[in-house]
Structure formats: C-alpha cells, structure tokens
Amino acid sequence: MRSTSADVQLASHLRVAVARTARRLRQESGTGLSPSLTAALATVERHGPLTPSELAARERVRRPSITRIAARLEELGLVARAADPGDRRSSLISVTPAGRELLAASATRKDAFLSQRLEALGLEDRATLERAAELLEGLLE
C-alpha cells in the first residue's frame, strides 16, 4: 500500500510532536546529563550488563563513541566496569546504585511533569492520549 498525502502529513505532524515531547521531557529530567549519556545509561540499566560492543550496537553508535560515553558515565559513578568472564579482552558495563537512583529520580520528575499537564484535560482527551500511546508503541515495535 502506498502512502497518501494525508499519511505523509500525519507522519510529519507526529514526528514534530514526538520530537518536541522528547526534548521537553529531557529538559524536565534534571539529570544534567547529555541525551547520549542518558540514553546509554538507560540502555545499560534495561539490558545490562553489556560489553562496550553490545552497548554500541544497541545505541547505534560506533565503538569509539561508546567508549567515551562509558568512560564519562564511569567517571560520574553511574556505571561500573568489570572483566568479562567470557572474553578477557573485554569488559562488562553495569549500572551502579547511583545510576539507578539518577534514572529513577529522572523518571519521577518526567512523570510528574506529564501528570500535571494531563490534569488539565478531560476524560475523553486522556482516553485519546492513552490510545495514541498504545498505537505509537505498536508502530515502533
């Protein structure tokens, strides 16, 4: 099935709305971390422990970039490295308790920000947004 002009317009509108939402939530996060550092930390929390190569693949960046990102997160005490028992040439990166706390606090702030905005909406608009969230998750899987 070919995309119609209406589909292209909707795609553009969604892209802008999602990008603006993501940017605003990053601003509300209060982590003080760059988007790359935050994304890598969240990926390690969700899928870790990971080797640097696995983390680079999940973040879709090159290995040298993830090496710098992981080093910065380690300097900040948000991740720790340990020898990879399966490959002595590599290491495993895992989230520290401080990293978990930072991510949890960030999620709490972002949820509070959105929750406050949702309070201004009626039940029908809230239901529409709930359905939109479900649809977006399905589209991106």
N, C-alpha and C. Protein backbone atom coordinates (compact mmCIF):
# COMPACT_ATOMS: atom_id res chain seq x y z
N MET A 1 0.84 -1.17 0.00
CA MET A 1 0.00 0.00 0.00
C MET A 1 0.89 1.24 0.00
N ARG A 2 0.61 2.18 -0.86
CA ARG A 2 1.41 3.40 -0.98
C ARG A 2 0.91 4.46 -0.01
N SER A 3 1.85 5.27 0.46
CA SER A 3 1.49 6.36 1.37
C SER A 3 0.74 7.43 0.60
N THR A 4 -0.29 7.93 1.25
CA THR A 4 -1.06 9.04 0.67
C THR A 4 -0.48 10.35 1.18
N SER A 5 -0.92 11.42 0.58
CA SER A 5 -0.51 12.74 1.04
C SER A 5 -0.91 12.96 2.50
N ALA A 6 -2.10 12.46 2.87
CA ALA A 6 -2.55 12.59 4.26
C ALA A 6 -1.65 11.81 5.21
N ASP A 7 -1.18 10.62 4.77
CA ASP A 7 -0.26 9.83 5.60
C ASP A 7 1.06 10.57 5.81
N VAL A 8 1.55 11.18 4.76
CA VAL A 8 2.81 11.92 4.85
C VAL A 8 2.64 13.12 5.78
N GLN A 9 1.52 13.81 5.68
CA GLN A 9 1.26 14.95 6.57
C GLN A 9 1.15 14.49 8.02
N LEU A 10 0.44 13.38 8.26
CA LEU A 10 0.31 12.84 9.61
C LEU A 10 1.68 12.42 10.15
N ALA A 11 2.47 11.77 9.32
CA ALA A 11 3.81 11.35 9.74
C ALA A 11 4.65 12.55 10.15
N SER A 12 4.57 13.62 9.38
CA SER A 12 5.32 14.84 9.70
C SER A 12 4.84 15.44 11.01
N HIS A 13 3.53 15.50 11.20
CA HIS A 13 2.96 16.06 12.43
C HIS A 13 3.38 15.23 13.64
N LEU A 14 3.29 13.90 13.52
CA LEU A 14 3.71 13.02 14.61
C LEU A 14 5.19 13.18 14.93
N ARG A 15 6.01 13.25 13.88
CA ARG A 15 7.45 13.40 14.08
C ARG A 15 7.77 14.66 14.88
N VAL A 16 7.15 15.75 14.53
CA VAL A 16 7.39 17.01 15.23
C VAL A 16 6.87 16.93 16.67
N ALA A 17 5.67 16.40 16.85
CA ALA A 17 5.09 16.32 18.19
C ALA A 17 5.91 15.41 19.10
N VAL A 18 6.36 14.27 18.58
CA VAL A 18 7.16 13.34 19.38
C VAL A 18 8.52 13.96 19.70
N ALA A 19 9.13 14.61 18.74
CA ALA A 19 10.44 15.24 18.98
C ALA A 19 10.33 16.35 20.03
N ARG A 20 9.30 17.17 19.93
CA ARG A 20 9.11 18.24 20.92
C ARG A 20 8.84 17.66 22.30
N THR A 21 8.04 16.60 22.36
CA THR A 21 7.76 15.95 23.63
C THR A 21 9.04 15.39 24.24
N ALA A 22 9.81 14.70 23.43
CA ALA A 22 11.06 14.12 23.92
C ALA A 22 12.02 15.20 24.41
N ARG A 23 12.13 16.29 23.66
CA ARG A 23 13.01 17.39 24.07
C ARG A 23 12.54 17.99 25.39
N ARG A 24 11.24 18.20 25.52
CA ARG A 24 10.72 18.80 26.76
C ARG A 24 10.93 17.87 27.95
N LEU A 25 10.75 16.59 27.75
CA LEU A 25 10.96 15.63 28.85
C LEU A 25 12.44 15.58 29.23
N ARG A 26 13.34 15.68 28.25
CA ARG A 26 14.77 15.75 28.59
C ARG A 26 15.06 16.97 29.44
N GLN A 27 14.43 18.10 29.10
CA GLN A 27 14.63 19.32 29.89
C GLN A 27 14.10 19.15 31.30
N GLU A 28 13.03 18.42 31.47
CA GLU A 28 12.42 18.23 32.78
C GLU A 28 13.14 17.16 33.61
N SER A 29 14.00 16.38 32.99
CA SER A 29 14.62 15.23 33.67
C SER A 29 15.50 15.63 34.84
N GLY A 30 16.16 16.77 34.73
CA GLY A 30 17.00 17.24 35.81
C GLY A 30 18.25 16.43 36.06
N THR A 31 18.67 15.61 35.09
CA THR A 31 19.86 14.78 35.32
C THR A 31 21.15 15.57 35.12
N GLY A 32 21.11 16.59 34.29
CA GLY A 32 22.33 17.30 33.96
C GLY A 32 23.19 16.54 32.96
N LEU A 33 22.70 15.41 32.48
CA LEU A 33 23.44 14.61 31.50
C LEU A 33 22.98 14.95 30.10
N SER A 34 23.88 14.75 29.15
CA SER A 34 23.52 14.92 27.74
C SER A 34 22.56 13.80 27.35
N PRO A 35 21.83 13.99 26.25
CA PRO A 35 20.95 12.92 25.78
C PRO A 35 21.69 11.61 25.51
N SER A 36 22.92 11.69 24.98
CA SER A 36 23.69 10.46 24.70
C SER A 36 24.04 9.72 25.98
N LEU A 37 24.46 10.45 27.00
CA LEU A 37 24.80 9.81 28.27
C LEU A 37 23.56 9.20 28.92
N THR A 38 22.47 9.93 28.89
CA THR A 38 21.23 9.44 29.49
C THR A 38 20.75 8.18 28.77
N ALA A 39 20.77 8.21 27.44
CA ALA A 39 20.31 7.06 26.66
C ALA A 39 21.17 5.84 26.93
N ALA A 40 22.48 6.02 26.96
CA ALA A 40 23.38 4.89 27.21
C ALA A 40 23.17 4.32 28.62
N LEU A 41 23.02 5.20 29.60
CA LEU A 41 22.79 4.76 30.97
C LEU A 41 21.49 3.96 31.06
N ALA A 42 20.44 4.45 30.43
CA ALA A 42 19.15 3.76 30.44
C ALA A 42 19.25 2.40 29.73
N THR A 43 20.01 2.35 28.66
CA THR A 43 20.19 1.09 27.94
C THR A 43 20.93 0.07 28.79
N VAL A 44 21.95 0.51 29.49
CA VAL A 44 22.69 -0.42 30.36
C VAL A 44 21.78 -0.89 31.49
N GLU A 45 20.96 0.00 32.02
CA GLU A 45 20.05 -0.41 33.09
C GLU A 45 19.05 -1.45 32.57
N ARG A 46 18.52 -1.20 31.39
CA ARG A 46 17.47 -2.07 30.83
C ARG A 46 18.02 -3.41 30.34
N HIS A 47 19.23 -3.41 29.75
CA HIS A 47 19.74 -4.62 29.09
C HIS A 47 21.04 -5.16 29.66
N GLY A 48 21.62 -4.46 30.63
CA GLY A 48 22.95 -4.79 31.11
C GLY A 48 23.02 -5.99 31.99
N PRO A 49 24.23 -6.35 32.39
CA PRO A 49 25.49 -5.77 31.95
C PRO A 49 25.77 -6.04 30.47
N LEU A 50 26.45 -5.09 29.84
CA LEU A 50 26.75 -5.16 28.42
C LEU A 50 28.23 -4.92 28.17
N THR A 51 28.75 -5.55 27.13
CA THR A 51 30.10 -5.21 26.68
C THR A 51 30.01 -3.87 25.95
N PRO A 52 31.12 -3.19 25.80
CA PRO A 52 31.08 -1.94 25.03
C PRO A 52 30.54 -2.14 23.61
N SER A 53 30.89 -3.24 22.97
CA SER A 53 30.38 -3.50 21.62
C SER A 53 28.87 -3.70 21.61
N GLU A 54 28.35 -4.41 22.60
CA GLU A 54 26.90 -4.60 22.69
C GLU A 54 26.20 -3.27 22.93
N LEU A 55 26.77 -2.45 23.80
CA LEU A 55 26.18 -1.15 24.07
C LEU A 55 26.21 -0.27 22.83
N ALA A 56 27.32 -0.29 22.11
CA ALA A 56 27.43 0.50 20.87
C ALA A 56 26.37 0.04 19.86
N ALA A 57 26.17 -1.25 19.75
CA ALA A 57 25.16 -1.77 18.80
C ALA A 57 23.76 -1.34 19.22
N ARG A 58 23.46 -1.44 20.50
CA ARG A 58 22.12 -1.05 20.98
C ARG A 58 21.87 0.45 20.81
N GLU A 59 22.92 1.25 20.99
CA GLU A 59 22.78 2.70 20.86
C GLU A 59 22.99 3.18 19.42
N ARG A 60 23.37 2.25 18.56
CA ARG A 60 23.60 2.55 17.14
C ARG A 60 24.64 3.64 16.94
N VAL A 61 25.74 3.47 17.67
CA VAL A 61 26.89 4.37 17.51
C VAL A 61 28.13 3.51 17.34
N ARG A 62 29.21 4.14 16.95
CA ARG A 62 30.47 3.41 16.76
C ARG A 62 31.13 3.13 18.11
N ARG A 63 31.95 2.12 18.11
CA ARG A 63 32.62 1.70 19.34
C ARG A 63 33.42 2.83 20.00
N PRO A 64 34.21 3.65 19.25
CA PRO A 64 34.94 4.73 19.92
C PRO A 64 34.02 5.72 20.64
N SER A 65 32.85 5.99 20.07
CA SER A 65 31.91 6.91 20.72
C SER A 65 31.40 6.32 22.02
N ILE A 66 31.07 5.04 22.02
CA ILE A 66 30.53 4.42 23.23
C ILE A 66 31.62 4.29 24.28
N THR A 67 32.86 4.14 23.85
CA THR A 67 33.98 4.08 24.80
C THR A 67 34.06 5.39 25.58
N ARG A 68 33.94 6.51 24.88
CA ARG A 68 33.96 7.82 25.54
C ARG A 68 32.75 8.01 26.46
N ILE A 69 31.59 7.60 25.98
CA ILE A 69 30.37 7.73 26.77
C ILE A 69 30.47 6.89 28.04
N ALA A 70 30.90 5.65 27.90
CA ALA A 70 31.02 4.76 29.06
C ALA A 70 32.06 5.30 30.05
N ALA A 71 33.15 5.84 29.53
CA ALA A 71 34.18 6.39 30.41
C ALA A 71 33.63 7.57 31.21
N ARG A 72 32.83 8.41 30.57
CA ARG A 72 32.24 9.56 31.27
C ARG A 72 31.24 9.09 32.32
N LEU A 73 30.41 8.12 31.99
CA LEU A 73 29.46 7.58 32.95
C LEU A 73 30.18 6.93 34.13
N GLU A 74 31.30 6.29 33.84
CA GLU A 74 32.09 5.68 34.92
C GLU A 74 32.71 6.76 35.80
N GLU A 75 33.24 7.83 35.20
CA GLU A 75 33.79 8.96 35.97
C GLU A 75 32.74 9.54 36.92
N LEU A 76 31.50 9.59 36.46
CA LEU A 76 30.41 10.15 37.26
C LEU A 76 29.87 9.16 38.30
N GLY A 77 30.38 7.94 38.27
CA GLY A 77 29.96 6.92 39.22
C GLY A 77 28.60 6.31 38.90
N LEU A 78 28.18 6.43 37.65
CA LEU A 78 26.86 5.94 37.26
C LEU A 78 26.90 4.53 36.68
N VAL A 79 28.06 4.13 36.18
CA VAL A 79 28.27 2.75 35.72
C VAL A 79 29.59 2.26 36.27
N ALA A 80 29.73 0.93 36.28
CA ALA A 80 30.98 0.30 36.70
C ALA A 80 31.37 -0.71 35.63
N ARG A 81 32.67 -0.90 35.49
CA ARG A 81 33.18 -1.90 34.55
C ARG A 81 33.76 -3.05 35.33
N ALA A 82 33.58 -4.24 34.78
CA ALA A 82 34.18 -5.44 35.37
C ALA A 82 34.69 -6.30 34.22
N ALA A 83 35.64 -7.14 34.51
CA ALA A 83 36.17 -8.03 33.48
C ALA A 83 35.06 -8.94 32.98
N ASP A 84 35.04 -9.16 31.67
CA ASP A 84 34.08 -10.07 31.07
C ASP A 84 34.61 -11.49 31.22
N PRO A 85 33.94 -12.33 32.01
CA PRO A 85 34.45 -13.68 32.22
C PRO A 85 34.50 -14.50 30.93
N GLY A 86 33.70 -14.15 29.94
CA GLY A 86 33.69 -14.87 28.67
C GLY A 86 34.73 -14.40 27.69
N ASP A 87 35.32 -13.23 27.92
CA ASP A 87 36.32 -12.66 26.99
C ASP A 87 37.20 -11.71 27.78
N ARG A 88 38.37 -12.15 28.11
CA ARG A 88 39.28 -11.37 28.95
C ARG A 88 39.73 -10.05 28.30
N ARG A 89 39.52 -9.94 26.99
CA ARG A 89 39.91 -8.70 26.30
C ARG A 89 38.86 -7.62 26.44
N SER A 90 37.69 -7.99 26.93
CA SER A 90 36.57 -7.05 27.02
C SER A 90 36.14 -6.85 28.46
N SER A 91 35.20 -5.93 28.62
CA SER A 91 34.66 -5.66 29.95
C SER A 91 33.15 -5.65 29.87
N LEU A 92 32.54 -5.73 31.04
CA LEU A 92 31.08 -5.62 31.13
C LEU A 92 30.75 -4.33 31.86
N ILE A 93 29.81 -3.60 31.33
CA ILE A 93 29.38 -2.33 31.91
C ILE A 93 28.05 -2.57 32.58
N SER A 94 27.94 -2.16 33.84
CA SER A 94 26.68 -2.30 34.58
C SER A 94 26.37 -1.00 35.31
N VAL A 95 25.12 -0.81 35.60
CA VAL A 95 24.67 0.41 36.30
C VAL A 95 24.96 0.27 37.78
N THR A 96 25.43 1.36 38.37
CA THR A 96 25.67 1.40 39.82
C THR A 96 24.38 1.82 40.52
N PRO A 97 24.33 1.66 41.83
CA PRO A 97 23.16 2.17 42.56
C PRO A 97 22.92 3.67 42.31
N ALA A 98 23.99 4.45 42.20
CA ALA A 98 23.83 5.89 41.92
C ALA A 98 23.20 6.11 40.55
N GLY A 99 23.57 5.29 39.58
CA GLY A 99 22.97 5.39 38.25
C GLY A 99 21.50 5.05 38.26
N ARG A 100 21.15 4.00 39.01
CA ARG A 100 19.73 3.62 39.14
C ARG A 100 18.93 4.73 39.81
N GLU A 101 19.49 5.31 40.86
CA GLU A 101 18.81 6.40 41.57
C GLU A 101 18.60 7.60 40.65
N LEU A 102 19.61 7.94 39.87
CA LEU A 102 19.50 9.07 38.95
C LEU A 102 18.40 8.82 37.93
N LEU A 103 18.35 7.63 37.35
CA LEU A 103 17.32 7.32 36.36
C LEU A 103 15.93 7.30 36.99
N ALA A 104 15.81 6.76 38.19
CA ALA A 104 14.51 6.72 38.87
C ALA A 104 14.03 8.13 39.19
N ALA A 105 14.92 8.98 39.68
CA ALA A 105 14.54 10.36 40.01
C ALA A 105 14.13 11.10 38.74
N SER A 106 14.85 10.87 37.66
CA SER A 106 14.53 11.50 36.39
C SER A 106 13.16 11.07 35.90
N ALA A 107 12.87 9.77 35.96
CA ALA A 107 11.56 9.26 35.53
C ALA A 107 10.45 9.85 36.39
N THR A 108 10.69 9.97 37.68
CA THR A 108 9.69 10.55 38.59
C THR A 108 9.40 11.99 38.20
N ARG A 109 10.43 12.78 37.92
CA ARG A 109 10.23 14.18 37.53
C ARG A 109 9.48 14.29 36.21
N LYS A 110 9.84 13.44 35.25
CA LYS A 110 9.17 13.49 33.94
C LYS A 110 7.72 13.04 34.06
N ASP A 111 7.46 12.00 34.85
CA ASP A 111 6.09 11.56 35.06
C ASP A 111 5.26 12.64 35.74
N ALA A 112 5.84 13.31 36.71
CA ALA A 112 5.13 14.39 37.42
C ALA A 112 4.81 15.53 36.46
N PHE A 113 5.74 15.87 35.59
CA PHE A 113 5.53 16.92 34.61
C PHE A 113 4.35 16.57 33.71
N LEU A 114 4.35 15.34 33.16
CA LEU A 114 3.26 14.94 32.27
C LEU A 114 1.94 14.81 33.03
N SER A 115 1.99 14.26 34.22
CA SER A 115 0.78 14.08 35.02
C SER A 115 0.11 15.42 35.30
N GLN A 116 0.91 16.42 35.59
CA GLN A 116 0.38 17.76 35.85
C GLN A 116 -0.32 18.30 34.60
N ARG A 117 0.28 18.06 33.43
CA ARG A 117 -0.33 18.52 32.19
C ARG A 117 -1.62 17.77 31.90
N LEU A 118 -1.64 16.46 32.20
CA LEU A 118 -2.83 15.65 31.93
C LEU A 118 -4.02 16.07 32.79
N GLU A 119 -3.76 16.60 33.98
CA GLU A 119 -4.84 17.04 34.86
C GLU A 119 -5.73 18.08 34.20
N ALA A 120 -5.18 18.85 33.28
CA ALA A 120 -5.94 19.90 32.62
C ALA A 120 -6.85 19.37 31.52
N LEU A 121 -6.72 18.08 31.19
CA LEU A 121 -7.51 17.51 30.10
C LEU A 121 -8.74 16.80 30.63
N GLY A 122 -9.74 16.73 29.77
CA GLY A 122 -10.95 15.98 30.11
C GLY A 122 -10.72 14.48 29.93
N LEU A 123 -11.69 13.70 30.39
CA LEU A 123 -11.59 12.25 30.32
C LEU A 123 -11.45 11.75 28.88
N GLU A 124 -12.17 12.35 27.97
CA GLU A 124 -12.12 11.91 26.57
C GLU A 124 -10.74 12.14 25.97
N ASP A 125 -10.15 13.31 26.25
CA ASP A 125 -8.80 13.59 25.73
C ASP A 125 -7.76 12.67 26.37
N ARG A 126 -7.92 12.36 27.64
CA ARG A 126 -7.00 11.43 28.30
C ARG A 126 -7.10 10.05 27.66
N ALA A 127 -8.32 9.61 27.39
CA ALA A 127 -8.51 8.30 26.75
C ALA A 127 -7.89 8.29 25.35
N THR A 128 -8.03 9.41 24.65
CA THR A 128 -7.42 9.51 23.31
C THR A 128 -5.91 9.40 23.41
N LEU A 129 -5.31 10.08 24.38
CA LEU A 129 -3.86 10.00 24.54
C LEU A 129 -3.41 8.60 24.96
N GLU A 130 -4.21 7.95 25.78
CA GLU A 130 -3.86 6.58 26.18
C GLU A 130 -3.85 5.67 24.95
N ARG A 131 -4.85 5.81 24.12
CA ARG A 131 -4.91 5.01 22.88
C ARG A 131 -3.77 5.38 21.94
N ALA A 132 -3.46 6.67 21.83
CA ALA A 132 -2.35 7.10 20.98
C ALA A 132 -1.03 6.50 21.47
N ALA A 133 -0.82 6.46 22.78
CA ALA A 133 0.41 5.87 23.33
C ALA A 133 0.51 4.39 22.94
N GLU A 134 -0.62 3.68 23.04
CA GLU A 134 -0.64 2.27 22.65
C GLU A 134 -0.31 2.10 21.17
N LEU A 135 -0.91 2.95 20.34
CA LEU A 135 -0.66 2.87 18.90
C LEU A 135 0.80 3.18 18.56
N LEU A 136 1.35 4.21 19.19
CA LEU A 136 2.74 4.56 18.93
C LEU A 136 3.68 3.42 19.33
N GLU A 137 3.42 2.81 20.49
CA GLU A 137 4.25 1.68 20.91
C GLU A 137 4.19 0.56 19.87
N GLY A 138 2.99 0.29 19.38
CA GLY A 138 2.83 -0.76 18.37
C GLY A 138 3.53 -0.43 17.07
N LEU A 139 3.46 0.82 16.65
CA LEU A 139 4.13 1.25 15.42
C LEU A 139 5.64 1.08 15.48
N LEU A 140 6.19 1.31 16.67
CA LEU A 140 7.65 1.34 16.80
C LEU A 140 8.26 -0.01 17.17
N GLU A 141 7.43 -1.03 17.37
CA GLU A 141 7.97 -2.35 17.69
C GLU A 141 8.44 -3.07 16.46
